[in-house]
Amino acid sequence: MKRNLMIWVALMSLSPVLQAQDVKVDRPVMERQSDRLSVGMNLDLSSLEVSSNRAVLLTPVIVKDGRVVELPSVGIYGRNRYYYYVRNGASMLTGKGERSYRVSQQPSGVEIAETLAYEPWMDGAEL
């Protein structure tokens, strides 16, 4: 039993699917300008690895007290996953302004700059 547990733990620690990947956020900014809220950041994707049958979807959000506003998503698609979505005319991304990249054409960084209507609940919200 103990031996089986040790083998299981060793296998789980080697699994690339379960290991977290680092996507760093540089220069996050949220500024209110009268009735508008400007949001900006740079996503550092240089250490992100995506296998051919997988996709990574990054969706920045503004959150406070259970309220959420999703900003346009960034998707990085592995080769097979990319062609699956192209052939089927589908996408796992939602909304306007979404950006998608094949893993072979993945940039090292993606700049996000959005302006949205300010709502009172956004005062003190987190990005």
C-alpha atoms as a PDB file:
ATOM      1  CA  MET A   1       0.000   0.000   0.000  1.00  0.00           C
ATOM      2  CA  LYS A   2       2.736   2.423   0.994  1.00  0.00           C
ATOM      3  CA  ARG A   3       4.718   1.503  -2.133  1.00  0.00           C
ATOM      4  CA  ASN A   4       1.688   2.127  -4.364  1.00  0.00           C
ATOM      5  CA  LEU A   5       1.167   5.515  -2.743  1.00  0.00           C
ATOM      6  CA  MET A   6       4.815   6.463  -3.322  1.00  0.00           C
ATOM      7  CA  ILE A   7       4.610   5.467  -7.009  1.00  0.00           C
ATOM      8  CA  TRP A   8       1.369   7.398  -7.427  1.00  0.00           C
ATOM      9  CA  VAL A   9       2.866  10.541  -5.850  1.00  0.00           C
ATOM     10  CA  ALA A  10       5.966  10.268  -8.081  1.00  0.00           C
ATOM     11  CA  LEU A  11       3.843   9.927 -11.220  1.00  0.00           C
ATOM     12  CA  MET A  12       1.616  12.831 -10.270  1.00  0.00           C
ATOM     13  CA  SER A  13       4.581  15.123  -9.671  1.00  0.00           C
ATOM     14  CA  LEU A  14       5.929  14.349 -13.138  1.00  0.00           C
ATOM     15  CA  SER A  15       2.649  15.040 -14.926  1.00  0.00           C
ATOM     16  CA  PRO A  16       3.021  18.138 -17.143  1.00  0.00           C
ATOM     17  CA  VAL A  17      -0.736  18.660 -17.194  1.00  0.00           C
ATOM     18  CA  LEU A  18      -0.899  19.237 -13.440  1.00  0.00           C
ATOM     19  CA  GLN A  19       2.105  21.526 -13.188  1.00  0.00           C
ATOM     20  CA  ALA A  20       1.238  25.219 -13.132  1.00  0.00           C
ATOM     21  CA  GLN A  21       2.679  27.458 -15.795  1.00  0.00           C
ATOM     22  CA  ASP A  22       3.829  30.966 -15.250  1.00  0.00           C
ATOM     23  CA  VAL A  23       2.102  33.791 -17.044  1.00  0.00           C
ATOM     24  CA  LYS A  24       3.425  36.994 -15.567  1.00  0.00           C
ATOM     25  CA  VAL A  25       1.435  40.206 -15.537  1.00  0.00           C
ATOM     26  CA  ASP A  26       3.577  43.311 -15.996  1.00  0.00           C
ATOM     27  CA  ARG A  27       2.456  46.881 -15.360  1.00  0.00           C
ATOM     28  CA  PRO A  28      -1.196  46.312 -14.339  1.00  0.00           C
ATOM     29  CA  VAL A  29      -3.062  49.638 -14.350  1.00  0.00           C
ATOM     30  CA  MET A  30      -6.662  50.579 -13.483  1.00  0.00           C
ATOM     31  CA  GLU A  31      -7.490  54.270 -13.683  1.00  0.00           C
ATOM     32  CA  ARG A  32     -10.818  56.048 -13.444  1.00  0.00           C
ATOM     33  CA  GLN A  33     -11.326  59.001 -15.763  1.00  0.00           C
ATOM     34  CA  SER A  34     -14.724  60.569 -14.943  1.00  0.00           C
ATOM     35  CA  ASP A  35     -17.257  58.025 -16.302  1.00  0.00           C
ATOM     36  CA  ARG A  36     -14.678  55.665 -17.865  1.00  0.00           C
ATOM     37  CA  LEU A  37     -12.352  53.032 -16.410  1.00  0.00           C
ATOM     38  CA  SER A  38      -9.071  52.392 -18.231  1.00  0.00           C
ATOM     39  CA  VAL A  39      -7.431  49.021 -17.728  1.00  0.00           C
ATOM     40  CA  GLY A  40      -4.031  48.046 -19.035  1.00  0.00           C
ATOM     41  CA  MET A  41      -1.458  45.301 -18.569  1.00  0.00           C
ATOM     42  CA  ASN A  42       1.143  43.246 -20.364  1.00  0.00           C
ATOM     43  CA  LEU A  43       0.893  39.447 -20.272  1.00  0.00           C
ATOM     44  CA  ASP A  44       4.337  37.800 -20.430  1.00  0.00           C
ATOM     45  CA  LEU A  45       3.819  34.531 -22.330  1.00  0.00           C
ATOM     46  CA  SER A  46       7.495  33.670 -22.848  1.00  0.00           C
ATOM     47  CA  SER A  47       7.440  30.693 -20.438  1.00  0.00           C
ATOM     48  CA  LEU A  48       4.028  29.345 -21.502  1.00  0.00           C
ATOM     49  CA  GLU A  49       4.063  25.891 -23.091  1.00  0.00           C
ATOM     50  CA  VAL A  50       1.000  24.401 -24.786  1.00  0.00           C
ATOM     51  CA  SER A  51       0.895  20.849 -26.147  1.00  0.00           C
ATOM     52  CA  SER A  52      -0.603  20.195 -29.583  1.00  0.00           C
ATOM     53  CA  ASN A  53      -3.989  18.940 -28.317  1.00  0.00           C
ATOM     54  CA  ARG A  54      -4.451  21.657 -25.712  1.00  0.00           C
ATOM     55  CA  ALA A  55      -5.376  25.308 -25.525  1.00  0.00           C
ATOM     56  CA  VAL A  56      -4.805  27.928 -22.845  1.00  0.00           C
ATOM     57  CA  LEU A  57      -7.415  30.625 -22.365  1.00  0.00           C
ATOM     58  CA  LEU A  58      -6.474  33.743 -20.411  1.00  0.00           C
ATOM     59  CA  THR A  59      -9.319  36.049 -19.414  1.00  0.00           C
ATOM     60  CA  PRO A  60      -8.524  39.096 -17.269  1.00  0.00           C
ATOM     61  CA  VAL A  61     -11.369  40.072 -14.953  1.00  0.00           C
ATOM     62  CA  ILE A  62     -12.345  42.967 -12.712  1.00  0.00           C
ATOM     63  CA  VAL A  63     -13.819  41.647  -9.451  1.00  0.00           C
ATOM     64  CA  LYS A  64     -15.456  43.087  -6.344  1.00  0.00           C
ATOM     65  CA  ASP A  65     -18.076  41.666  -3.971  1.00  0.00           C
ATOM     66  CA  GLY A  66     -19.118  38.878  -6.310  1.00  0.00           C
ATOM     67  CA  ARG A  67     -19.491  41.149  -9.332  1.00  0.00           C
ATOM     68  CA  VAL A  68     -17.304  40.335 -12.314  1.00  0.00           C
ATOM     69  CA  VAL A  69     -16.514  42.046 -15.610  1.00  0.00           C
ATOM     70  CA  GLU A  70     -14.552  39.934 -18.083  1.00  0.00           C
ATOM     71  CA  LEU A  71     -12.119  41.661 -20.416  1.00  0.00           C
ATOM     72  CA  PRO A  72     -11.380  40.260 -23.895  1.00  0.00           C
ATOM     73  CA  SER A  73      -9.678  36.868 -23.772  1.00  0.00           C
ATOM     74  CA  VAL A  74      -6.346  35.734 -25.149  1.00  0.00           C
ATOM     75  CA  GLY A  75      -6.117  32.142 -26.366  1.00  0.00           C
ATOM     76  CA  ILE A  76      -3.011  30.135 -27.186  1.00  0.00           C
ATOM     77  CA  TYR A  77      -3.861  27.030 -29.221  1.00  0.00           C
ATOM     78  CA  GLY A  78      -1.730  23.952 -29.786  1.00  0.00           C
ATOM     79  CA  ARG A  79      -1.425  22.839 -33.418  1.00  0.00           C
ATOM     80  CA  ASN A  80      -4.143  20.144 -33.408  1.00  0.00           C
ATOM     81  CA  ARG A  81      -6.525  22.186 -31.254  1.00  0.00           C
ATOM     82  CA  TYR A  82      -6.085  25.222 -33.524  1.00  0.00           C
ATOM     83  CA  TYR A  83      -7.015  23.242 -36.651  1.00  0.00           C
ATOM     84  CA  TYR A  84      -9.982  21.654 -34.831  1.00  0.00           C
ATOM     85  CA  TYR A  85     -11.423  25.106 -34.162  1.00  0.00           C
ATOM     86  CA  VAL A  86     -10.675  26.345 -37.690  1.00  0.00           C
ATOM     87  CA  ARG A  87     -12.350  23.316 -39.326  1.00  0.00           C
ATOM     88  CA  ASN A  88     -15.428  23.488 -37.123  1.00  0.00           C
ATOM     89  CA  GLY A  89     -15.781  27.273 -37.266  1.00  0.00           C
ATOM     90  CA  ALA A  90     -15.825  27.362 -33.489  1.00  0.00           C
ATOM     91  CA  SER A  91     -13.792  29.070 -30.843  1.00  0.00           C
ATOM     92  CA  MET A  92     -13.467  28.659 -27.114  1.00  0.00           C
ATOM     93  CA  LEU A  93     -13.060  32.417 -26.834  1.00  0.00           C
ATOM     94  CA  THR A  94     -16.023  34.665 -26.237  1.00  0.00           C
ATOM     95  CA  GLY A  95     -16.825  38.291 -26.832  1.00  0.00           C
ATOM     96  CA  LYS A  96     -15.464  41.082 -28.978  1.00  0.00           C
ATOM     97  CA  GLY A  97     -11.786  41.874 -29.174  1.00  0.00           C
ATOM     98  CA  GLU A  98     -10.672  38.338 -28.454  1.00  0.00           C
ATOM     99  CA  ARG A  99      -7.203  37.400 -29.653  1.00  0.00           C
ATOM    100  CA  SER A 100      -6.015  33.926 -30.534  1.00  0.00           C
ATOM    101  CA  TYR A 101      -2.609  32.598 -31.499  1.00  0.00           C
ATOM    102  CA  ARG A 102      -1.244  29.280 -32.663  1.00  0.00           C
ATOM    103  CA  VAL A 103       1.481  28.094 -30.340  1.00  0.00           C
ATOM    104  CA  SER A 104       4.027  28.355 -33.180  1.00  0.00           C
ATOM    105  CA  GLN A 105       3.096  32.035 -33.665  1.00  0.00           C
ATOM    106  CA  GLN A 106       2.718  32.857 -29.981  1.00  0.00           C
ATOM    107  CA  PRO A 107       4.171  36.258 -29.094  1.00  0.00           C
ATOM    108  CA  SER A 108       6.389  36.617 -26.038  1.00  0.00           C
ATOM    109  CA  GLY A 109       4.001  39.227 -24.670  1.00  0.00           C
ATOM    110  CA  VAL A 110       0.490  40.559 -25.258  1.00  0.00           C
ATOM    111  CA  GLU A 111      -0.492  44.118 -24.384  1.00  0.00           C
ATOM    112  CA  ILE A 112      -4.059  44.555 -23.110  1.00  0.00           C
ATOM    113  CA  ALA A 113      -5.619  48.018 -23.044  1.00  0.00           C
ATOM    114  CA  GLU A 114      -9.364  48.430 -22.541  1.00  0.00           C
ATOM    115  CA  THR A 115     -11.680  51.273 -21.637  1.00  0.00           C
ATOM    116  CA  LEU A 116     -15.103  50.537 -20.182  1.00  0.00           C
ATOM    117  CA  ALA A 117     -17.948  52.427 -18.615  1.00  0.00           C
ATOM    118  CA  TYR A 118     -17.331  53.080 -14.924  1.00  0.00           C
ATOM    119  CA  GLU A 119     -19.911  51.772 -12.473  1.00  0.00           C
ATOM    120  CA  PRO A 120     -19.975  52.696  -8.753  1.00  0.00           C
ATOM    121  CA  TRP A 121     -19.346  49.100  -7.628  1.00  0.00           C
ATOM    122  CA  MET A 122     -15.949  49.193  -9.412  1.00  0.00           C
ATOM    123  CA  ASP A 123     -14.557  51.538  -6.762  1.00  0.00           C
ATOM    124  CA  GLY A 124     -11.898  49.445  -5.005  1.00  0.00           C
ATOM    125  CA  ALA A 125     -12.253  46.514  -7.414  1.00  0.00           C
ATOM    126  CA  GLU A 126      -9.322  44.202  -8.175  1.00  0.00           C
ATOM    127  CA  LEU A 127      -7.866  43.271 -11.539  1.00  0.00           C
END
